[in-house]
Amino acid sequence: HIPADRLQENAAQVAKDHDIFGCDYVGLGAYGFRLQEGDSFMEGFLKDFVPVAQAIKENGKYFMYHNHAHEFKRENGRLILEQMAYTNS
């Protein structure tokens, strides 16, 4: 599990660090789903982590996420976790 701020600061380096262990999967440790002005929780997550996921993919790794209790909150009538699973971003 990698802290969110480290992933956002240098996802490419985190991916390279995973080569030391022969690990193809880079996991986000936790995400607080902070509400950004004018954004939904999901929109904030996508703004923060689509670039991270792209950088990890470009470096030959897979971006992983595991949930906690807050992903079972509802936003716009749907679970946040459900929105994450079915996003096209």
C-alpha atoms as a PDB file:
ATOM      1  CA  HIS A   1       0.000   0.000   0.000  1.00  0.00           C
ATOM      2  CA  ILE A   2       1.428   3.314  -1.086  1.00  0.00           C
ATOM      3  CA  PRO A   3       0.282   6.600   0.495  1.00  0.00           C
ATOM      4  CA  ALA A   4      -1.830   8.778  -1.787  1.00  0.00           C
ATOM      5  CA  ASP A   5       0.536  11.744  -1.627  1.00  0.00           C
ATOM      6  CA  ARG A   6       3.539   9.642  -2.690  1.00  0.00           C
ATOM      7  CA  LEU A   7       1.623   8.260  -5.665  1.00  0.00           C
ATOM      8  CA  GLN A   8       0.504  11.724  -6.708  1.00  0.00           C
ATOM      9  CA  GLU A   9       3.992  13.190  -6.333  1.00  0.00           C
ATOM     10  CA  ASN A  10       5.819  10.595  -8.421  1.00  0.00           C
ATOM     11  CA  ALA A  11       3.826   7.612  -9.652  1.00  0.00           C
ATOM     12  CA  ALA A  12       6.482   6.729 -12.233  1.00  0.00           C
ATOM     13  CA  GLN A  13       9.133   6.356  -9.535  1.00  0.00           C
ATOM     14  CA  VAL A  14       6.792   4.293  -7.359  1.00  0.00           C
ATOM     15  CA  ALA A  15       6.254   1.957 -10.314  1.00  0.00           C
ATOM     16  CA  LYS A  16      10.009   1.654 -10.822  1.00  0.00           C
ATOM     17  CA  ASP A  17      10.497   0.967  -7.110  1.00  0.00           C
ATOM     18  CA  HIS A  18       8.144  -2.003  -7.472  1.00  0.00           C
ATOM     19  CA  ASP A  19      10.606  -3.570  -9.935  1.00  0.00           C
ATOM     20  CA  ILE A  20      12.949  -4.243  -7.007  1.00  0.00           C
ATOM     21  CA  PHE A  21      10.462  -6.787  -5.682  1.00  0.00           C
ATOM     22  CA  GLY A  22       9.239  -7.992  -9.068  1.00  0.00           C
ATOM     23  CA  CYS A  23       5.791  -6.647  -8.218  1.00  0.00           C
ATOM     24  CA  ASP A  24       3.469  -5.700 -11.084  1.00  0.00           C
ATOM     25  CA  TYR A  25       0.761  -4.210  -8.860  1.00  0.00           C
ATOM     26  CA  VAL A  26       0.851  -0.780  -7.216  1.00  0.00           C
ATOM     27  CA  GLY A  27      -1.830  -0.315  -4.577  1.00  0.00           C
ATOM     28  CA  LEU A  28      -3.248   2.861  -3.133  1.00  0.00           C
ATOM     29  CA  GLY A  29      -3.257   2.513   0.645  1.00  0.00           C
ATOM     30  CA  ALA A  30      -6.242   4.738   1.359  1.00  0.00           C
ATOM     31  CA  TYR A  31      -8.107   7.650  -0.134  1.00  0.00           C
ATOM     32  CA  GLY A  32     -10.148  10.037   1.964  1.00  0.00           C
ATOM     33  CA  PHE A  33     -12.613  11.112  -0.744  1.00  0.00           C
ATOM     34  CA  ARG A  34     -12.329  14.752   0.155  1.00  0.00           C
ATOM     35  CA  LEU A  35     -14.955  16.917  -1.423  1.00  0.00           C
ATOM     36  CA  GLN A  36     -13.468  19.460  -3.798  1.00  0.00           C
ATOM     37  CA  GLU A  37     -15.465  22.570  -4.504  1.00  0.00           C
ATOM     38  CA  GLY A  38     -17.962  21.837  -7.250  1.00  0.00           C
ATOM     39  CA  ASP A  39     -16.945  18.187  -7.505  1.00  0.00           C
ATOM     40  CA  SER A  40     -18.534  15.006  -6.282  1.00  0.00           C
ATOM     41  CA  PHE A  41     -16.388  12.615  -4.290  1.00  0.00           C
ATOM     42  CA  MET A  42     -15.979  10.495  -7.410  1.00  0.00           C
ATOM     43  CA  GLU A  43     -14.974  13.453  -9.576  1.00  0.00           C
ATOM     44  CA  GLY A  44     -12.308  14.356  -7.020  1.00  0.00           C
ATOM     45  CA  PHE A  45     -10.961  10.811  -7.018  1.00  0.00           C
ATOM     46  CA  LEU A  46     -10.809  10.712 -10.809  1.00  0.00           C
ATOM     47  CA  LYS A  47      -9.007  14.064 -10.988  1.00  0.00           C
ATOM     48  CA  ASP A  48      -6.469  12.843  -8.441  1.00  0.00           C
ATOM     49  CA  PHE A  49      -5.885   9.297  -9.650  1.00  0.00           C
ATOM     50  CA  VAL A  50      -6.495   8.957 -13.390  1.00  0.00           C
ATOM     51  CA  PRO A  51      -3.071  10.590 -14.000  1.00  0.00           C
ATOM     52  CA  VAL A  52      -1.535   8.287 -11.383  1.00  0.00           C
ATOM     53  CA  ALA A  53      -3.057   5.185 -12.978  1.00  0.00           C
ATOM     54  CA  GLN A  54      -1.871   6.308 -16.420  1.00  0.00           C
ATOM     55  CA  ALA A  55       1.704   6.848 -15.186  1.00  0.00           C
ATOM     56  CA  ILE A  56       1.720   3.449 -13.506  1.00  0.00           C
ATOM     57  CA  LYS A  57       0.422   1.780 -16.674  1.00  0.00           C
ATOM     58  CA  GLU A  58       3.034   3.580 -18.793  1.00  0.00           C
ATOM     59  CA  ASN A  59       5.647   2.027 -16.504  1.00  0.00           C
ATOM     60  CA  GLY A  60       4.339  -1.505 -17.006  1.00  0.00           C
ATOM     61  CA  LYS A  61       2.367  -1.859 -13.770  1.00  0.00           C
ATOM     62  CA  TYR A  62      -1.254  -2.154 -12.712  1.00  0.00           C
ATOM     63  CA  PHE A  63      -2.975   0.321 -10.383  1.00  0.00           C
ATOM     64  CA  MET A  64      -4.875  -1.397  -7.585  1.00  0.00           C
ATOM     65  CA  TYR A  65      -7.330  -0.113  -5.014  1.00  0.00           C
ATOM     66  CA  HIS A  66      -8.873  -1.791  -2.035  1.00  0.00           C
ATOM     67  CA  ASN A  67     -11.841  -0.388  -0.258  1.00  0.00           C
ATOM     68  CA  HIS A  68     -12.630   0.734   3.260  1.00  0.00           C
ATOM     69  CA  ALA A  69     -15.974   1.564   4.878  1.00  0.00           C
ATOM     70  CA  HIS A  70     -16.306   5.043   3.339  1.00  0.00           C
ATOM     71  CA  GLU A  71     -16.683   3.619  -0.171  1.00  0.00           C
ATOM     72  CA  PHE A  72     -20.033   2.233   0.971  1.00  0.00           C
ATOM     73  CA  LYS A  73     -21.472   5.725   1.360  1.00  0.00           C
ATOM     74  CA  ARG A  74     -23.993   6.727  -1.265  1.00  0.00           C
ATOM     75  CA  GLU A  75     -23.565   9.643  -3.598  1.00  0.00           C
ATOM     76  CA  ASN A  76     -26.243  10.448  -6.163  1.00  0.00           C
ATOM     77  CA  GLY A  77     -28.096   7.300  -5.113  1.00  0.00           C
ATOM     78  CA  ARG A  78     -25.194   4.939  -5.825  1.00  0.00           C
ATOM     79  CA  LEU A  79     -22.440   3.496  -3.667  1.00  0.00           C
ATOM     80  CA  ILE A  80     -19.099   5.217  -4.214  1.00  0.00           C
ATOM     81  CA  LEU A  81     -17.532   1.768  -4.650  1.00  0.00           C
ATOM     82  CA  GLU A  82     -20.061   0.947  -7.377  1.00  0.00           C
ATOM     83  CA  GLN A  83     -19.245   4.199  -9.153  1.00  0.00           C
ATOM     84  CA  MET A  84     -15.542   3.370  -8.987  1.00  0.00           C
ATOM     85  CA  ALA A  85     -16.109  -0.086 -10.458  1.00  0.00           C
ATOM     86  CA  TYR A  86     -18.140   1.159 -13.396  1.00  0.00           C
ATOM     87  CA  THR A  87     -16.396   4.381 -14.354  1.00  0.00           C
ATOM     88  CA  ASN A  88     -15.139   4.703 -17.916  1.00  0.00           C
ATOM     89  CA  SER A  89     -12.221   6.919 -16.965  1.00  0.00           C
END
